Amino acid sequence: QVQLVESGGGLVQPGGSLRLSCAASGFTFGTYAMSWYRQAPGKERELVASISSLSVSTNYADSVKGRFTISRDNAKTTVYLQMNSLKPEDTAVYYCRADRSLARYWGQGTQVTVSS
């Protein structure tokens, strides 16, 4: 069955870095666009970054441009989110999502907490 499993979250101090991973299985990963979303307490889920199926294009929320980098390894069926210069407002549950036409899959999320 389809699985998206996020990992790499945790507690980090402001200014620190984390690298999130999302391991995919159960579908043809290389034909899907992949995205990272996040949801902070009391807020709506928002798009953080996305990457096309062959890594030709990427897109970032204004709030993370220059600090976060999305990448993927189709051979390992994994998408990554490198997060640098983290801020307290980056605290949220981070989810990966796979999209192709009408098909959409979500992971269960990984908590990222930025605090001193």
N, C-alpha and C. Protein backbone atom coordinates (compact mmCIF):
# COMPACT_ATOMS: atom_id res chain seq x y z
N GLN A 1 0.83 -1.18 0.00
CA GLN A 1 0.00 0.00 0.00
C GLN A 1 0.88 1.24 0.00
N VAL A 2 0.27 2.39 -0.27
CA VAL A 2 1.01 3.64 -0.31
C VAL A 2 1.46 4.04 1.08
N GLN A 3 2.73 4.41 1.18
CA GLN A 3 3.27 4.91 2.45
C GLN A 3 4.18 6.11 2.18
N LEU A 4 4.01 7.13 3.00
CA LEU A 4 4.92 8.26 3.06
C LEU A 4 5.31 8.40 4.52
N VAL A 5 6.59 8.21 4.81
CA VAL A 5 7.05 8.21 6.19
C VAL A 5 8.09 9.32 6.38
N GLU A 6 7.69 10.33 7.14
CA GLU A 6 8.59 11.46 7.43
C GLU A 6 9.48 11.14 8.61
N SER A 7 10.68 11.71 8.60
CA SER A 7 11.60 11.57 9.72
C SER A 7 12.52 12.78 9.74
N GLY A 8 13.25 12.93 10.84
CA GLY A 8 14.23 14.00 10.95
C GLY A 8 13.80 15.20 11.77
N GLY A 9 12.57 15.20 12.23
CA GLY A 9 12.11 16.30 13.06
C GLY A 9 12.72 16.24 14.45
N GLY A 10 12.48 17.30 15.23
CA GLY A 10 12.99 17.34 16.58
C GLY A 10 13.03 18.74 17.12
N LEU A 11 13.75 18.89 18.22
CA LEU A 11 13.91 20.18 18.88
C LEU A 11 15.26 20.78 18.47
N VAL A 12 15.23 22.03 18.05
CA VAL A 12 16.45 22.71 17.61
C VAL A 12 16.40 24.15 18.09
N GLN A 13 17.56 24.72 18.36
CA GLN A 13 17.62 26.11 18.79
C GLN A 13 17.47 27.05 17.60
N PRO A 14 17.00 28.26 17.84
CA PRO A 14 16.93 29.24 16.75
C PRO A 14 18.29 29.41 16.08
N GLY A 15 18.27 29.47 14.76
CA GLY A 15 19.50 29.56 13.99
C GLY A 15 20.07 28.21 13.59
N GLY A 16 19.52 27.15 14.14
CA GLY A 16 20.00 25.81 13.84
C GLY A 16 19.44 25.25 12.54
N SER A 17 19.79 23.99 12.28
CA SER A 17 19.40 23.32 11.04
C SER A 17 18.81 21.95 11.33
N LEU A 18 17.94 21.52 10.44
CA LEU A 18 17.41 20.16 10.44
C LEU A 18 17.24 19.72 9.00
N ARG A 19 17.32 18.41 8.79
CA ARG A 19 17.03 17.85 7.47
C ARG A 19 15.93 16.83 7.62
N LEU A 20 14.79 17.12 7.01
CA LEU A 20 13.67 16.19 7.01
C LEU A 20 13.77 15.25 5.81
N SER A 21 13.33 14.03 6.01
CA SER A 21 13.25 13.05 4.93
C SER A 21 11.84 12.50 4.87
N CYS A 22 11.43 12.12 3.68
CA CYS A 22 10.14 11.48 3.48
C CYS A 22 10.37 10.30 2.55
N ALA A 23 10.29 9.10 3.12
CA ALA A 23 10.49 7.87 2.34
C ALA A 23 9.16 7.39 1.80
N ALA A 24 9.10 7.17 0.50
CA ALA A 24 7.86 6.80 -0.17
C ALA A 24 7.91 5.36 -0.66
N SER A 25 6.76 4.72 -0.68
CA SER A 25 6.63 3.38 -1.23
C SER A 25 5.20 3.14 -1.65
N GLY A 26 5.01 2.17 -2.54
CA GLY A 26 3.66 1.78 -2.94
C GLY A 26 3.09 2.52 -4.13
N PHE A 27 3.88 3.40 -4.74
CA PHE A 27 3.45 4.10 -5.95
C PHE A 27 4.70 4.48 -6.74
N THR A 28 4.50 4.89 -8.00
CA THR A 28 5.63 5.22 -8.88
C THR A 28 6.14 6.62 -8.54
N PHE A 29 7.00 6.66 -7.54
CA PHE A 29 7.49 7.90 -6.97
C PHE A 29 7.98 8.89 -8.03
N GLY A 30 8.73 8.43 -8.98
CA GLY A 30 9.35 9.30 -9.97
C GLY A 30 8.39 10.01 -10.91
N THR A 31 7.11 9.68 -10.84
CA THR A 31 6.12 10.34 -11.70
C THR A 31 5.26 11.33 -10.91
N TYR A 32 5.55 11.49 -9.64
CA TYR A 32 4.76 12.37 -8.78
C TYR A 32 5.53 13.62 -8.40
N ALA A 33 4.84 14.75 -8.39
CA ALA A 33 5.39 15.94 -7.75
C ALA A 33 5.31 15.73 -6.25
N MET A 34 6.30 16.28 -5.54
CA MET A 34 6.35 16.11 -4.10
C MET A 34 6.39 17.48 -3.43
N SER A 35 5.77 17.55 -2.28
CA SER A 35 5.70 18.82 -1.55
C SER A 35 5.90 18.58 -0.07
N TRP A 36 6.32 19.65 0.60
CA TRP A 36 6.33 19.69 2.06
C TRP A 36 5.32 20.76 2.49
N TYR A 37 4.48 20.41 3.44
CA TYR A 37 3.54 21.31 4.06
C TYR A 37 3.86 21.36 5.55
N ARG A 38 3.31 22.36 6.21
CA ARG A 38 3.43 22.42 7.66
C ARG A 38 2.16 22.99 8.27
N GLN A 39 1.92 22.62 9.51
CA GLN A 39 0.76 23.12 10.24
C GLN A 39 1.16 23.42 11.66
N ALA A 40 1.06 24.68 12.02
CA ALA A 40 1.34 25.12 13.38
C ALA A 40 0.05 25.07 14.19
N PRO A 41 0.15 24.99 15.51
CA PRO A 41 -1.06 24.93 16.35
C PRO A 41 -1.98 26.12 16.09
N GLY A 42 -3.25 25.84 15.85
CA GLY A 42 -4.22 26.89 15.63
C GLY A 42 -4.18 27.53 14.26
N LYS A 43 -3.34 27.02 13.38
CA LYS A 43 -3.23 27.59 12.04
C LYS A 43 -3.56 26.55 10.97
N GLU A 44 -3.83 27.05 9.76
CA GLU A 44 -4.11 26.15 8.66
C GLU A 44 -2.81 25.55 8.12
N ARG A 45 -2.95 24.39 7.51
CA ARG A 45 -1.80 23.78 6.87
C ARG A 45 -1.39 24.63 5.68
N GLU A 46 -0.08 24.85 5.53
CA GLU A 46 0.41 25.70 4.46
C GLU A 46 1.53 25.01 3.68
N LEU A 47 1.62 25.37 2.40
CA LEU A 47 2.69 24.85 1.55
C LEU A 47 4.01 25.49 1.93
N VAL A 48 5.03 24.66 2.09
CA VAL A 48 6.37 25.14 2.39
C VAL A 48 7.22 25.12 1.12
N ALA A 49 7.23 23.98 0.43
CA ALA A 49 8.06 23.85 -0.77
C ALA A 49 7.53 22.70 -1.60
N SER A 50 7.78 22.78 -2.91
CA SER A 50 7.38 21.69 -3.79
C SER A 50 8.46 21.48 -4.84
N ILE A 51 8.46 20.27 -5.43
CA ILE A 51 9.46 19.93 -6.44
C ILE A 51 8.78 19.04 -7.47
N SER A 52 9.08 19.28 -8.73
CA SER A 52 8.47 18.50 -9.80
C SER A 52 9.07 17.09 -9.83
N SER A 53 8.44 16.24 -10.63
CA SER A 53 8.79 14.82 -10.62
C SER A 53 10.25 14.54 -10.97
N LEU A 54 10.80 15.34 -11.89
CA LEU A 54 12.19 15.14 -12.32
C LEU A 54 13.11 16.24 -11.82
N SER A 55 12.67 16.94 -10.78
CA SER A 55 13.46 18.00 -10.13
C SER A 55 13.74 19.19 -11.05
N VAL A 56 12.94 19.35 -12.09
CA VAL A 56 13.17 20.47 -13.01
C VAL A 56 12.80 21.79 -12.37
N SER A 57 11.75 21.78 -11.56
CA SER A 57 11.29 23.03 -10.95
C SER A 57 11.03 22.85 -9.47
N THR A 58 11.25 23.93 -8.73
CA THR A 58 10.95 23.98 -7.31
C THR A 58 10.20 25.26 -7.00
N ASN A 59 9.50 25.24 -5.88
CA ASN A 59 8.72 26.40 -5.47
C ASN A 59 8.77 26.49 -3.96
N TYR A 60 8.86 27.72 -3.44
CA TYR A 60 8.98 27.92 -2.00
C TYR A 60 8.03 28.99 -1.50
N ALA A 61 7.55 28.81 -0.30
CA ALA A 61 6.81 29.88 0.36
C ALA A 61 7.77 31.04 0.63
N ASP A 62 7.27 32.25 0.56
CA ASP A 62 8.12 33.42 0.78
C ASP A 62 8.81 33.36 2.14
N SER A 63 8.14 32.81 3.12
CA SER A 63 8.67 32.80 4.48
C SER A 63 9.90 31.91 4.65
N VAL A 64 10.14 31.01 3.68
CA VAL A 64 11.28 30.09 3.81
C VAL A 64 12.32 30.25 2.70
N LYS A 65 12.05 31.11 1.73
CA LYS A 65 12.99 31.29 0.63
C LYS A 65 14.36 31.71 1.15
N GLY A 66 15.39 31.07 0.61
CA GLY A 66 16.75 31.37 1.04
C GLY A 66 17.19 30.61 2.27
N ARG A 67 16.26 29.95 2.96
CA ARG A 67 16.61 29.20 4.17
C ARG A 67 16.38 27.70 3.99
N PHE A 68 15.34 27.32 3.25
CA PHE A 68 14.98 25.92 3.07
C PHE A 68 15.29 25.49 1.63
N THR A 69 15.64 24.22 1.48
CA THR A 69 15.88 23.65 0.16
C THR A 69 15.21 22.29 0.06
N ILE A 70 14.38 22.13 -0.95
CA ILE A 70 13.74 20.85 -1.21
C ILE A 70 14.54 20.11 -2.28
N SER A 71 14.66 18.80 -2.12
CA SER A 71 15.34 17.97 -3.12
C SER A 71 14.73 16.58 -3.08
N ARG A 72 15.06 15.79 -4.07
CA ARG A 72 14.55 14.42 -4.12
C ARG A 72 15.57 13.51 -4.75
N ASP A 73 15.47 12.24 -4.39
CA ASP A 73 16.29 11.19 -4.98
C ASP A 73 15.32 10.12 -5.47
N ASN A 74 15.06 10.11 -6.75
CA ASN A 74 14.06 9.16 -7.28
C ASN A 74 14.54 7.72 -7.15
N ALA A 75 15.84 7.49 -7.18
CA ALA A 75 16.35 6.13 -7.01
C ALA A 75 16.07 5.61 -5.60
N LYS A 76 16.08 6.51 -4.62
CA LYS A 76 15.81 6.12 -3.23
C LYS A 76 14.36 6.39 -2.84
N THR A 77 13.56 6.88 -3.77
CA THR A 77 12.15 7.24 -3.54
C THR A 77 12.00 8.05 -2.25
N THR A 78 12.81 9.09 -2.15
CA THR A 78 12.83 9.91 -0.96
C THR A 78 12.90 11.38 -1.35
N VAL A 79 12.16 12.20 -0.61
CA VAL A 79 12.23 13.64 -0.78
C VAL A 79 12.75 14.24 0.52
N TYR A 80 13.51 15.31 0.39
CA TYR A 80 14.18 15.91 1.55
C TYR A 80 13.77 17.39 1.68
N LEU A 81 13.92 17.88 2.89
CA LEU A 81 13.78 19.32 3.13
C LEU A 81 14.91 19.73 4.07
N GLN A 82 15.88 20.44 3.52
CA GLN A 82 16.96 20.98 4.32
C GLN A 82 16.52 22.33 4.85
N MET A 83 16.54 22.47 6.17
CA MET A 83 16.06 23.69 6.81
C MET A 83 17.21 24.31 7.59
N ASN A 84 17.58 25.50 7.18
CA ASN A 84 18.67 26.25 7.83
C ASN A 84 18.12 27.53 8.44
N SER A 85 18.90 28.12 9.31
CA SER A 85 18.53 29.39 9.95
C SER A 85 17.11 29.32 10.51
N LEU A 86 16.83 28.28 11.23
CA LEU A 86 15.47 28.07 11.72
C LEU A 86 15.06 29.14 12.72
N LYS A 87 13.77 29.46 12.68
CA LYS A 87 13.18 30.47 13.54
C LYS A 87 12.07 29.85 14.37
N PRO A 88 11.75 30.45 15.51
CA PRO A 88 10.63 29.91 16.31
C PRO A 88 9.33 29.77 15.51
N GLU A 89 9.11 30.66 14.56
CA GLU A 89 7.87 30.59 13.77
C GLU A 89 7.88 29.44 12.77
N ASP A 90 8.98 28.72 12.65
CA ASP A 90 9.01 27.51 11.82
C ASP A 90 8.48 26.30 12.59
N THR A 91 8.20 26.47 13.86
CA THR A 91 7.66 25.38 14.66
C THR A 91 6.32 24.92 14.12
N ALA A 92 6.22 23.62 13.83
CA ALA A 92 5.01 23.06 13.23
C ALA A 92 5.19 21.56 13.04
N VAL A 93 4.12 20.91 12.68
CA VAL A 93 4.20 19.54 12.18
C VAL A 93 4.40 19.64 10.67
N TYR A 94 5.41 18.96 10.17
CA TYR A 94 5.75 18.99 8.75
C TYR A 94 5.29 17.70 8.09
N TYR A 95 4.58 17.86 6.98
CA TYR A 95 4.02 16.74 6.23
C TYR A 95 4.57 16.72 4.81
N CYS A 96 4.80 15.54 4.27
CA CYS A 96 5.09 15.46 2.85
C CYS A 96 3.83 15.00 2.11
N ARG A 97 3.76 15.38 0.86
CA ARG A 97 2.60 15.07 0.04
C ARG A 97 3.06 14.71 -1.36
N ALA A 98 2.39 13.73 -1.96
CA ALA A 98 2.66 13.31 -3.33
C ALA A 98 1.44 13.62 -4.18
N ASP A 99 1.66 14.17 -5.37
CA ASP A 99 0.57 14.53 -6.28
C ASP A 99 0.85 14.08 -7.70
N ARG A 100 -0.20 13.52 -8.32
CA ARG A 100 -0.18 13.28 -9.77
C ARG A 100 -1.62 13.23 -10.23
N SER A 101 -1.99 14.16 -11.07
CA SER A 101 -3.37 14.26 -11.57
C SER A 101 -4.32 14.29 -10.36
N LEU A 102 -5.21 13.33 -10.26
CA LEU A 102 -6.19 13.31 -9.17
C LEU A 102 -5.71 12.52 -7.96
N ALA A 103 -4.55 11.91 -8.06
CA ALA A 103 -4.02 11.12 -6.95
C ALA A 103 -3.25 12.02 -6.00
N ARG A 104 -3.47 11.86 -4.72
CA ARG A 104 -2.80 12.66 -3.70
C ARG A 104 -2.63 11.81 -2.45
N TYR A 105 -1.40 11.81 -1.93
CA TYR A 105 -1.11 11.04 -0.73
C TYR A 105 -0.40 11.93 0.29
N TRP A 106 -0.71 11.69 1.56
CA TRP A 106 -0.10 12.44 2.66
C TRP A 106 0.64 11.49 3.60
N GLY A 107 1.73 12.03 4.17
CA GLY A 107 2.38 11.33 5.26
C GLY A 107 1.74 11.69 6.59
N GLN A 108 2.25 11.10 7.67
CA GLN A 108 1.67 11.31 8.99
C GLN A 108 2.25 12.52 9.70
N GLY A 109 3.36 13.03 9.22
CA GLY A 109 3.94 14.24 9.78
C GLY A 109 5.07 13.97 10.77
N THR A 110 5.92 14.99 10.91
CA THR A 110 7.00 14.96 11.89
C THR A 110 7.07 16.34 12.56
N GLN A 111 7.22 16.33 13.87
CA GLN A 111 7.20 17.58 14.63
C GLN A 111 8.56 18.27 14.56
N VAL A 112 8.53 19.56 14.27
CA VAL A 112 9.72 20.40 14.33
C VAL A 112 9.45 21.51 15.35
N THR A 113 10.30 21.61 16.34
CA THR A 113 10.17 22.64 17.36
C THR A 113 11.45 23.46 17.41
N VAL A 114 11.29 24.76 17.23
CA VAL A 114 12.44 25.67 17.27
C VAL A 114 12.31 26.53 18.52
N SER A 115 13.18 26.29 19.47
CA SER A 115 13.07 26.98 20.75
C SER A 115 14.41 26.96 21.46
N SER A 116 14.65 28.00 22.24
CA SER A 116 15.86 28.04 23.06
C SER A 116 15.57 27.53 24.47
